[in-house]
Amino acid sequence: MRSALLEVKGVTRVQVSLETSEAIVTYDPPATTQAMISAVAAAAPVGPLPYKATVKVAPQPGGSGR
């Protein structure tokens, strides 16, 4: 999954956790969340359970914290 995400133009860093089934991705334009979801879905092995991807947006550093 990490390799697939790093191939998306604009992705600069990927940290994958197998324990939580999450990836933390740092990116700039032209990367989009849809491009990242598509890349991961294409790289996911075919199996009996459907693959589900969701996106969580992290707060920006230096935010007000509200």
Protein backbone atom coordinates (compact mmCIF):
# COMPACT_ATOMS: atom_id res chain seq x y z
CA MET A 1 0.00 0.00 0.00
CA ARG A 2 2.83 2.37 0.86
CA SER A 3 4.39 1.94 -2.59
CA ALA A 4 1.05 2.53 -4.32
CA LEU A 5 0.49 5.75 -2.37
CA LEU A 6 4.02 7.01 -3.04
CA GLU A 7 3.40 6.63 -6.78
CA VAL A 8 0.60 9.23 -6.64
CA LYS A 9 2.05 12.52 -7.88
CA GLY A 10 2.21 14.98 -4.99
CA VAL A 11 2.45 12.39 -2.18
CA THR A 12 5.58 13.13 -0.17
CA ARG A 13 5.33 10.81 2.85
CA VAL A 14 3.41 7.67 3.81
CA GLN A 15 3.28 5.91 7.18
CA VAL A 16 1.28 2.67 7.26
CA SER A 17 0.02 0.92 10.40
CA LEU A 18 -1.03 -2.69 9.94
CA GLU A 19 -2.40 -2.79 13.50
CA THR A 20 -4.93 -0.02 12.85
CA SER A 21 -5.31 -0.60 9.08
CA GLU A 22 -4.55 3.06 8.49
CA ALA A 23 -2.13 5.08 6.41
CA ILE A 24 -1.05 8.60 7.24
CA VAL A 25 -0.25 10.46 4.04
CA THR A 26 1.45 13.82 3.62
CA TYR A 27 0.72 15.35 0.23
CA ASP A 28 0.51 18.51 -1.85
CA PRO A 29 -1.40 19.26 -5.05
CA PRO A 30 -1.85 17.69 -7.54
CA ALA A 31 -2.53 14.69 -5.25
CA THR A 32 -6.20 14.20 -4.39
CA THR A 33 -7.89 11.94 -1.91
CA GLN A 34 -9.67 10.20 -4.79
CA ALA A 35 -6.34 9.48 -6.52
CA MET A 36 -4.97 7.98 -3.30
CA ILE A 37 -8.07 5.85 -2.71
CA SER A 38 -7.91 4.60 -6.31
CA ALA A 39 -4.20 3.75 -5.98
CA VAL A 40 -4.77 1.76 -2.78
CA ALA A 41 -7.83 -0.01 -4.20
CA ALA A 42 -5.86 -1.02 -7.31
CA ALA A 43 -3.03 -2.39 -5.16
CA ALA A 44 -5.29 -4.24 -2.70
CA PRO A 45 -5.25 -8.02 -3.03
CA VAL A 46 -8.44 -9.63 -4.25
CA GLY A 47 -10.15 -11.51 -1.45
CA PRO A 48 -13.50 -12.56 -0.03
CA LEU A 49 -14.09 -9.26 1.77
CA PRO A 50 -14.63 -6.01 -0.13
CA TYR A 51 -12.06 -3.29 0.36
CA LYS A 52 -13.27 -0.10 2.04
CA ALA A 53 -11.32 3.16 2.04
CA THR A 54 -12.15 6.29 3.99
CA VAL A 55 -10.40 9.60 4.46
CA LYS A 56 -9.78 11.44 7.71
CA VAL A 57 -8.38 14.95 7.56
CA ALA A 58 -5.84 15.82 10.24
CA PRO A 59 -5.75 19.27 11.78
CA GLN A 60 -3.13 21.54 10.28
CA PRO A 61 -0.08 22.33 12.42
CA GLY A 62 -0.29 25.71 14.11
CA GLY A 63 -4.10 25.69 14.12
CA SER A 64 -6.10 27.32 16.86
CA GLY A 65 -7.09 23.96 18.35
CA ARG A 66 -10.78 24.87 18.40
